C-alpha atoms as a PDB file:
ATOM      1  CA  MET A   1     144.442  92.263 209.512  1.00  0.00           C
ATOM      2  CA  SER A   2     141.179  91.295 211.077  1.00  0.00           C
ATOM      3  CA  VAL A   3     138.776  88.683 209.946  1.00  0.00           C
ATOM      4  CA  SER A   4     135.126  89.499 210.356  1.00  0.00           C
ATOM      5  CA  LYS A   5     133.138  87.086 212.376  1.00  0.00           C
ATOM      6  CA  GLN A   6     129.638  85.926 211.572  1.00  0.00           C
ATOM      7  CA  ALA A   7     128.363  88.017 214.506  1.00  0.00           C
ATOM      8  CA  ASP A   8     129.854  91.190 212.963  1.00  0.00           C
ATOM      9  CA  ILE A   9     127.531  90.949 209.983  1.00  0.00           C
ATOM     10  CA  ALA A  10     123.924  92.013 210.534  1.00  0.00           C
ATOM     11  CA  PRO A  11     121.609  89.161 209.604  1.00  0.00           C
ATOM     12  CA  THR A  12     118.951  89.868 207.016  1.00  0.00           C
ATOM     13  CA  LEU A  13     116.030  87.696 206.224  1.00  0.00           C
ATOM     14  CA  ARG A  14     115.535  89.106 202.782  1.00  0.00           C
ATOM     15  CA  PRO A  15     117.644  91.293 200.533  1.00  0.00           C
ATOM     16  CA  PRO A  16     116.275  94.779 199.890  1.00  0.00           C
ATOM     17  CA  PRO A  17     113.900  94.866 196.960  1.00  0.00           C
ATOM     18  CA  ALA A  18     115.467  95.673 193.642  1.00  0.00           C
ATOM     19  CA  PRO A  19     113.550  98.198 191.597  1.00  0.00           C
ATOM     20  CA  LEU A  20     111.720  96.384 188.864  1.00  0.00           C
ATOM     21  CA  ALA A  21     112.903  97.525 185.484  1.00  0.00           C
ATOM     22  CA  ASP A  22     110.351  98.805 183.048  1.00  0.00           C
ATOM     23  CA  GLY A  23     109.125  96.186 180.666  1.00  0.00           C
ATOM     24  CA  MET A  24     107.392  92.836 180.568  1.00  0.00           C
ATOM     25  CA  ILE A  25     106.567  91.203 183.898  1.00  0.00           C
ATOM     26  CA  ILE A  26     104.632  88.099 182.867  1.00  0.00           C
ATOM     27  CA  SER A  27     102.257  86.891 180.187  1.00  0.00           C
ATOM     28  CA  ALA A  28      99.655  84.153 180.248  1.00  0.00           C
ATOM     29  CA  ASN A  29      97.879  82.399 177.387  1.00  0.00           C
ATOM     30  CA  PHE A  30      94.966  80.036 177.731  1.00  0.00           C
ATOM     31  CA  SER A  31      92.191  78.668 175.597  1.00  0.00           C
ATOM     32  CA  VAL A  32      88.657  79.994 175.885  1.00  0.00           C
ATOM     33  CA  GLY A  33      87.386  76.451 176.496  1.00  0.00           C
ATOM     34  CA  GLY A  34      89.872  75.711 179.277  1.00  0.00           C
ATOM     35  CA  PHE A  35      89.322  79.107 180.900  1.00  0.00           C
ATOM     36  CA  SER A  36      85.542  78.662 180.846  1.00  0.00           C
ATOM     37  CA  LYS A  37      85.662  75.125 182.267  1.00  0.00           C
ATOM     38  CA  ARG A  38      87.949  76.110 185.134  1.00  0.00           C
ATOM     39  CA  TRP A  39      86.320  79.378 186.135  1.00  0.00           C
ATOM     40  CA  ASN A  40      86.350  78.346 189.800  1.00  0.00           C
ATOM     41  CA  HIS A  41      90.159  78.749 189.672  1.00  0.00           C
ATOM     42  CA  CYS A  42      89.970  82.391 188.548  1.00  0.00           C
ATOM     43  CA  HIS A  43      90.850  83.773 191.976  1.00  0.00           C
ATOM     44  CA  GLN A  44      93.863  81.456 192.119  1.00  0.00           C
ATOM     45  CA  LEU A  45      95.050  82.705 188.727  1.00  0.00           C
ATOM     46  CA  ALA A  46      94.537  86.335 189.802  1.00  0.00           C
ATOM     47  CA  ASN A  47      96.442  85.703 193.051  1.00  0.00           C
ATOM     48  CA  PHE A  48      99.323  83.975 191.254  1.00  0.00           C
ATOM     49  CA  LEU A  49      99.703  86.734 188.680  1.00  0.00           C
ATOM     50  CA  ALA A  50      99.456  89.430 191.380  1.00  0.00           C
ATOM     51  CA  ARG A  51     102.073  87.768 193.592  1.00  0.00           C
ATOM     52  CA  TYR A  52     104.431  87.369 190.651  1.00  0.00           C
ATOM     53  CA  ALA A  53     103.977  91.008 189.589  1.00  0.00           C
ATOM     54  CA  SER A  54     104.550  92.216 193.188  1.00  0.00           C
ATOM     55  CA  ALA A  55     107.533  90.056 194.116  1.00  0.00           C
ATOM     56  CA  ASN A  56     110.128  92.846 194.039  1.00  0.00           C
ATOM     57  CA  GLU A  57     108.034  95.622 195.573  1.00  0.00           C
ATOM     58  CA  ASP A  58     108.655  97.239 198.951  1.00  0.00           C
ATOM     59  CA  ASP A  59     105.467  95.776 200.400  1.00  0.00           C
ATOM     60  CA  PRO A  60     104.758  92.725 198.216  1.00  0.00           C
ATOM     61  CA  GLU A  61     101.781  91.487 200.249  1.00  0.00           C
ATOM     62  CA  ARG A  62      99.930  94.796 200.028  1.00  0.00           C
ATOM     63  CA  HIS A  63     100.658  95.204 196.333  1.00  0.00           C
ATOM     64  CA  ALA A  64      99.709  91.587 195.626  1.00  0.00           C
ATOM     65  CA  THR A  65      96.375  92.080 197.387  1.00  0.00           C
ATOM     66  CA  LEU A  66      95.560  95.187 195.355  1.00  0.00           C
ATOM     67  CA  LEU A  67      96.712  93.685 192.069  1.00  0.00           C
ATOM     68  CA  SER A  68      94.763  90.523 192.763  1.00  0.00           C
ATOM     69  CA  THR A  69      91.633  92.664 193.069  1.00  0.00           C
ATOM     70  CA  PHE A  70      92.442  94.412 189.786  1.00  0.00           C
ATOM     71  CA  PHE A  71      93.281  91.187 187.947  1.00  0.00           C
ATOM     72  CA  ASN A  72      90.220  89.367 189.294  1.00  0.00           C
ATOM     73  CA  GLU A  73      87.895  92.078 187.917  1.00  0.00           C
ATOM     74  CA  LEU A  74      89.603  91.854 184.544  1.00  0.00           C
ATOM     75  CA  LEU A  75      89.423  88.050 184.444  1.00  0.00           C
ATOM     76  CA  GLU A  76      85.753  88.134 185.454  1.00  0.00           C
ATOM     77  CA  ALA A  77      84.946  90.553 182.622  1.00  0.00           C
ATOM     78  CA  VAL A  78      86.857  88.367 180.149  1.00  0.00           C
ATOM     79  CA  PHE A  79      85.104  85.230 181.432  1.00  0.00           C
ATOM     80  CA  ARG A  80      81.663  86.752 180.937  1.00  0.00           C
ATOM     81  CA  ASN A  81      82.446  88.438 177.606  1.00  0.00           C
ATOM     82  CA  HIS A  82      84.436  86.501 175.057  1.00  0.00           C
ATOM     83  CA  GLY A  83      83.956  84.766 171.740  1.00  0.00           C
ATOM     84  CA  PRO A  84      83.044  81.078 171.598  1.00  0.00           C
ATOM     85  CA  CYS A  85      86.536  79.859 170.698  1.00  0.00           C
ATOM     86  CA  GLY A  86      90.126  80.976 170.438  1.00  0.00           C
ATOM     87  CA  GLU A  87      92.880  81.931 172.832  1.00  0.00           C
ATOM     88  CA  ILE A  88      92.988  84.582 175.556  1.00  0.00           C
ATOM     89  CA  GLN A  89      96.349  86.296 175.983  1.00  0.00           C
ATOM     90  CA  ILE A  90      97.133  88.497 178.960  1.00  0.00           C
ATOM     91  CA  ARG A  91     100.330  90.513 179.164  1.00  0.00           C
ATOM     92  CA  PHE A  92     101.531  92.387 182.249  1.00  0.00           C
ATOM     93  CA  ARG A  93     104.186  95.049 182.019  1.00  0.00           C
ATOM     94  CA  LYS A  94     105.437  97.812 184.244  1.00  0.00           C
ATOM     95  CA  SER A  95     106.353 101.320 183.228  1.00  0.00           C
ATOM     96  CA  GLN A  96     107.437 103.742 185.930  1.00  0.00           C
ATOM     97  CA  SER A  97     104.563 103.925 188.401  1.00  0.00           C
ATOM     98  CA  HIS A  98     101.959 101.907 186.492  1.00  0.00           C
ATOM     99  CA  ILE A  99     101.137  98.325 185.693  1.00  0.00           C
ATOM    100  CA  PHE A 100      99.721  97.858 182.214  1.00  0.00           C
ATOM    101  CA  VAL A 101      97.579  94.842 181.485  1.00  0.00           C
ATOM    102  CA  GLU A 102      96.628  93.958 177.950  1.00  0.00           C
ATOM    103  CA  ALA A 103      94.053  91.245 177.444  1.00  0.00           C
ATOM    104  CA  GLU A 104      93.714  90.031 173.884  1.00  0.00           C
ATOM    105  CA  VAL A 105      90.290  88.436 173.802  1.00  0.00           C
ATOM    106  CA  PRO A 106      88.420  86.598 171.048  1.00  0.00           C
ATOM    107  CA  VAL A 107      85.088  88.368 170.578  1.00  0.00           C
ATOM    108  CA  ASN A 108      81.836  88.005 168.761  1.00  0.00           C
ATOM    109  CA  GLU A 109      79.438  90.865 168.012  1.00  0.00           C
ATOM    110  CA  GLN A 110      77.839  90.780 171.476  1.00  0.00           C
ATOM    111  CA  SER A 111      81.091  90.715 173.481  1.00  0.00           C
ATOM    112  CA  ALA A 112      82.676  93.438 171.303  1.00  0.00           C
ATOM    113  CA  LYS A 113      79.601  95.575 172.010  1.00  0.00           C
ATOM    114  CA  PHE A 114      80.085  95.002 175.765  1.00  0.00           C
ATOM    115  CA  TYR A 115      83.727  96.159 175.735  1.00  0.00           C
ATOM    116  CA  ASN A 116      82.919  99.236 173.644  1.00  0.00           C
ATOM    117  CA  HIS A 117      80.081 100.090 176.064  1.00  0.00           C
ATOM    118  CA  ALA A 118      82.360  99.618 179.102  1.00  0.00           C
ATOM    119  CA  VAL A 119      84.973 101.973 177.631  1.00  0.00           C
ATOM    120  CA  GLN A 120      82.272 104.577 176.913  1.00  0.00           C
ATOM    121  CA  LEU A 121      81.068 104.345 180.521  1.00  0.00           C
ATOM    122  CA  VAL A 122      84.581 104.739 181.921  1.00  0.00           C
ATOM    123  CA  ASN A 123      85.362 107.696 179.666  1.00  0.00           C
ATOM    124  CA  GLN A 124      82.204 109.689 180.336  1.00  0.00           C
ATOM    125  CA  PRO A 125      82.617 113.144 181.948  1.00  0.00           C
ATOM    126  CA  ASP A 126      81.645 112.095 185.495  1.00  0.00           C
ATOM    127  CA  PRO A 127      81.928 108.319 185.869  1.00  0.00           C
ATOM    128  CA  MET A 128      81.879 108.493 189.711  1.00  0.00           C
ATOM    129  CA  SER A 129      78.359 110.003 189.813  1.00  0.00           C
ATOM    130  CA  TRP A 130      77.132 107.464 187.291  1.00  0.00           C
ATOM    131  CA  TYR A 131      78.758 104.632 189.264  1.00  0.00           C
ATOM    132  CA  ARG A 132      77.148 105.726 192.548  1.00  0.00           C
ATOM    133  CA  GLU A 133      73.762 106.048 190.885  1.00  0.00           C
ATOM    134  CA  GLN A 134      74.059 102.511 189.488  1.00  0.00           C
ATOM    135  CA  LEU A 135      74.913 101.121 192.915  1.00  0.00           C
ATOM    136  CA  GLU A 136      71.840 102.766 194.437  1.00  0.00           C
ATOM    137  CA  ASN A 137      69.374 101.709 191.724  1.00  0.00           C
ATOM    138  CA  ASP A 138      68.517  98.683 189.649  1.00  0.00           C
ATOM    139  CA  VAL A 139      71.206  98.365 187.040  1.00  0.00           C
ATOM    140  CA  PRO A 140      70.400  97.293 183.450  1.00  0.00           C
ATOM    141  CA  ASP A 141      72.118  94.010 182.554  1.00  0.00           C
ATOM    142  CA  ASP A 142      74.532  95.639 180.086  1.00  0.00           C
ATOM    143  CA  ASP A 143      75.671  98.112 182.734  1.00  0.00           C
ATOM    144  CA  ALA A 144      75.771  95.560 185.569  1.00  0.00           C
ATOM    145  CA  GLN A 145      78.387  93.502 183.748  1.00  0.00           C
ATOM    146  CA  ALA A 146      80.508  96.628 183.266  1.00  0.00           C
ATOM    147  CA  LEU A 147      80.385  97.705 186.932  1.00  0.00           C
ATOM    148  CA  GLY A 148      83.538  95.756 187.869  1.00  0.00           C
ATOM    149  CA  LEU A 149      85.588  97.445 185.152  1.00  0.00           C
ATOM    150  CA  LEU A 150      84.019 100.797 185.967  1.00  0.00           C
ATOM    151  CA  GLU A 151      84.891 100.295 189.632  1.00  0.00           C
ATOM    152  CA  LEU A 152      88.552  99.908 188.672  1.00  0.00           C
ATOM    153  CA  ALA A 153      88.377 103.331 187.030  1.00  0.00           C
ATOM    154  CA  VAL A 154      86.372 105.311 189.580  1.00  0.00           C
ATOM    155  CA  VAL A 155      87.705 103.794 192.789  1.00  0.00           C
ATOM    156  CA  TYR A 156      91.299 103.033 191.840  1.00  0.00           C
ATOM    157  CA  GLY A 157      91.947 105.540 189.049  1.00  0.00           C
ATOM    158  CA  SER A 158      92.619 102.947 186.352  1.00  0.00           C
ATOM    159  CA  LYS A 159      92.379 103.853 182.685  1.00  0.00           C
ATOM    160  CA  LEU A 160      90.638 101.576 180.215  1.00  0.00           C
ATOM    161  CA  SER A 161      90.887 101.469 176.431  1.00  0.00           C
ATOM    162  CA  ILE A 162      90.350  98.995 173.615  1.00  0.00           C
ATOM    163  CA  THR A 163      91.781  98.485 170.178  1.00  0.00           C
ATOM    164  CA  GLU A 164      90.321  96.246 167.546  1.00  0.00           C
ATOM    165  CA  PRO A 165      93.004  94.734 165.307  1.00  0.00           C
ATOM    166  CA  ALA A 166      92.253  94.481 161.602  1.00  0.00           C
ATOM    167  CA  GLY A 167      90.501  91.297 160.634  1.00  0.00           C
ATOM    168  CA  GLY A 168      88.043  91.260 163.531  1.00  0.00           C
ATOM    169  CA  GLY A 169      87.335  88.415 165.885  1.00  0.00           C
ATOM    170  CA  GLN A 170      89.746  89.798 168.515  1.00  0.00           C
ATOM    171  CA  LEU A 171      90.144  92.931 170.544  1.00  0.00           C
ATOM    172  CA  VAL A 172      92.759  94.164 172.986  1.00  0.00           C
ATOM    173  CA  LEU A 173      91.463  95.495 176.284  1.00  0.00           C
ATOM    174  CA  ALA A 174      94.145  97.642 177.920  1.00  0.00           C
ATOM    175  CA  ILE A 175      94.018  98.721 181.552  1.00  0.00           C
ATOM    176  CA  GLN A 176      96.524 101.025 183.193  1.00  0.00           C
ATOM    177  CA  PHE A 177      96.682 100.476 186.956  1.00  0.00           C
ATOM    178  CA  PRO A 178      98.239 103.173 189.172  1.00  0.00           C
ATOM    179  CA  PHE A 179     100.693 100.880 190.925  1.00  0.00           C
ATOM    180  CA  THR A 180     102.454 103.382 193.187  1.00  0.00           C
ATOM    181  CA  GLU A 181      99.525 105.711 193.779  1.00  0.00           C
ATOM    182  CA  VAL A 182      97.588 102.897 195.460  1.00  0.00           C
ATOM    183  CA  ASP A 183      99.554 103.670 198.612  1.00  0.00           C
ATOM    184  CA  GLU A 184      97.533 106.877 198.892  1.00  0.00           C
ATOM    185  CA  LEU A 185      94.140 105.141 198.607  1.00  0.00           C
END
């Protein structure tokens, strides 16, 4: 019978990443007032959420960087387009090769119009041509605010949709991020 010595075991700094099961990753709720007052912390929130969502990936730093970009665009759109009061809820979940983000946002007539317009822009037949044209020319204000969300679709292949629950005053902005395909970008 032999007893293994410490030197016989290969040292590892970190265990191999475990595949993340499909399902909820993290959710965050915050008030419109608190979110608006602390806008300068948006990048920190995006970085935190991205690092958490990427913790078990093969290359967590790379995935966190990409997700931080995605999340920051979403948070910026929500910051600029929300109702005057209420609570913002963001849910992150993973399903196979995608990260799904659902942002439940209090809206008024103007902000609901913005989200509907952004979804129309993303779902047009050739959003890349439209996007390039907007970058080269003066962009109308309504379209300029939507450019960040449109960029997620045309550059990264994200899908954007909205649902408006009965009763009004809220909508759910859903974005599907291609989490594994980003390695090919």
